[in-house]
């Protein structure tokens, strides 16, 4: 008789601890309902079947990121282009370093 759980018990325990991942559209719907303040947060949580803390969190995220919806797209493109340039430069540096070390390793062999 083994004290370790069998595979069936392991899978049940794993499923029990798995977190539910909600899609962005669902989070937005819940957050908009909370922002409209036609119902209390606990009522909204019950209606959508989520914990009230999630409703508060999603509402805060929506209000904090609402300004980004009205930002011109070019400003985000400039930031991503700059970041892309930095990353490409780093890739080049690492490639040169790797090649240098590979040549040194060939000489040692």
Protein backbone atom coordinates (compact mmCIF):
# COMPACT_ATOMS: atom_id res chain seq x y z
CA UNK A 1 0.00 0.00 0.00
CA UNK A 2 1.53 3.28 -1.14
CA UNK A 3 1.11 6.60 0.62
CA UNK A 4 1.82 8.47 -2.61
CA UNK A 5 -1.18 9.58 -4.64
CA UNK A 6 -1.88 7.70 -7.84
CA UNK A 7 -1.95 9.47 -11.21
CA UNK A 8 -5.69 10.14 -10.98
CA UNK A 9 -5.29 11.95 -7.67
CA UNK A 10 -2.37 13.98 -9.01
CA UNK A 11 -4.35 15.19 -12.01
CA UNK A 12 -7.33 16.11 -9.82
CA UNK A 13 -5.06 18.06 -7.50
CA UNK A 14 -3.41 19.84 -10.44
CA UNK A 15 -6.77 20.83 -11.91
CA UNK A 16 -7.93 22.11 -8.57
CA UNK A 17 -5.03 24.58 -8.29
CA UNK A 18 -5.10 25.80 -11.90
CA UNK A 19 -5.94 29.48 -12.33
CA UNK A 20 -8.61 30.62 -14.70
CA UNK A 21 -7.29 32.86 -17.46
CA UNK A 22 -9.80 35.40 -18.69
CA UNK A 23 -9.61 36.89 -22.19
CA UNK A 24 -9.03 40.63 -22.55
CA UNK A 25 -12.50 41.18 -24.02
CA UNK A 26 -14.10 39.67 -20.90
CA UNK A 27 -11.92 41.79 -18.60
CA UNK A 28 -12.87 44.91 -20.56
CA UNK A 29 -16.56 44.08 -20.32
CA UNK A 30 -16.35 43.59 -16.56
CA UNK A 31 -14.24 46.73 -16.08
CA UNK A 32 -16.64 48.84 -18.14
CA UNK A 33 -19.54 47.57 -16.06
CA UNK A 34 -17.63 48.60 -12.93
CA UNK A 35 -16.77 52.04 -14.32
CA UNK A 36 -20.41 52.71 -15.22
CA UNK A 37 -21.26 52.31 -11.50
CA UNK A 38 -24.83 51.18 -12.21
CA UNK A 39 -24.22 48.24 -9.89
CA UNK A 40 -21.94 47.70 -6.94
CA UNK A 41 -18.69 45.82 -7.46
CA UNK A 42 -19.89 42.75 -5.52
CA UNK A 43 -23.01 42.62 -7.69
CA UNK A 44 -20.90 42.83 -10.84
CA UNK A 45 -18.60 40.11 -9.51
CA UNK A 46 -21.56 37.83 -8.86
CA UNK A 47 -23.09 38.57 -12.27
CA UNK A 48 -19.88 37.68 -14.12
CA UNK A 49 -18.80 34.89 -11.75
CA UNK A 50 -15.46 36.38 -10.68
CA UNK A 51 -14.02 37.57 -7.38
CA UNK A 52 -14.64 41.20 -6.44
CA UNK A 53 -10.89 41.83 -6.15
CA UNK A 54 -10.52 41.03 -9.85
CA UNK A 55 -13.22 43.55 -10.70
CA UNK A 56 -11.42 46.25 -8.70
CA UNK A 57 -8.09 45.34 -10.34
CA UNK A 58 -9.48 45.36 -13.88
CA UNK A 59 -11.30 48.65 -13.26
CA UNK A 60 -8.05 50.22 -12.02
CA UNK A 61 -6.17 48.90 -15.08
CA UNK A 62 -8.82 50.26 -17.43
CA UNK A 63 -8.77 53.70 -15.87
CA UNK A 64 -4.96 53.75 -15.75
CA UNK A 65 -4.55 52.77 -19.40
CA UNK A 66 -7.48 54.68 -20.87
CA UNK A 67 -5.27 57.55 -22.02
CA UNK A 68 -3.28 55.17 -24.24
CA UNK A 69 -6.37 54.62 -26.38
CA UNK A 70 -6.23 58.27 -27.42
CA UNK A 71 -2.47 58.49 -27.98
CA UNK A 72 -1.40 58.88 -31.59
CA UNK A 73 -0.16 55.61 -33.01
CA UNK A 74 3.02 57.24 -34.29
CA UNK A 75 4.37 57.81 -30.76
CA UNK A 76 4.16 54.12 -29.95
CA UNK A 77 5.74 53.27 -33.29
CA UNK A 78 8.67 55.58 -32.56
CA UNK A 79 9.22 53.91 -29.20
CA UNK A 80 9.05 50.43 -30.70
CA UNK A 81 11.42 51.43 -33.53
CA UNK A 82 13.95 52.76 -31.03
CA UNK A 83 13.69 49.59 -28.96
CA UNK A 84 14.02 47.47 -32.09
CA UNK A 85 17.20 49.33 -33.03
CA UNK A 86 18.67 48.75 -29.57
CA UNK A 87 17.84 45.05 -29.73
CA UNK A 88 19.33 44.65 -33.21
CA UNK A 89 22.51 46.33 -32.03
CA UNK A 90 22.71 43.98 -29.04
CA UNK A 91 22.13 40.97 -31.31
CA UNK A 92 25.01 42.12 -33.51
CA UNK A 93 27.32 42.51 -30.51
CA UNK A 94 26.44 39.07 -29.18
CA UNK A 95 26.92 37.49 -32.60
CA UNK A 96 30.41 38.99 -32.92
CA UNK A 97 31.25 37.85 -29.38
CA UNK A 98 30.01 34.32 -30.07
CA UNK A 99 31.99 34.08 -33.30
CA UNK A 100 35.13 35.38 -31.56
CA UNK A 101 34.81 32.83 -28.77
CA UNK A 102 34.08 30.01 -31.23
CA UNK A 103 37.28 30.82 -33.15
CA UNK A 104 39.25 30.85 -29.88
CA UNK A 105 37.81 27.47 -28.93
CA UNK A 106 38.81 26.02 -32.32
CA UNK A 107 42.40 27.15 -31.73
CA UNK A 108 42.53 25.45 -28.32
CA UNK A 109 41.37 22.09 -29.72
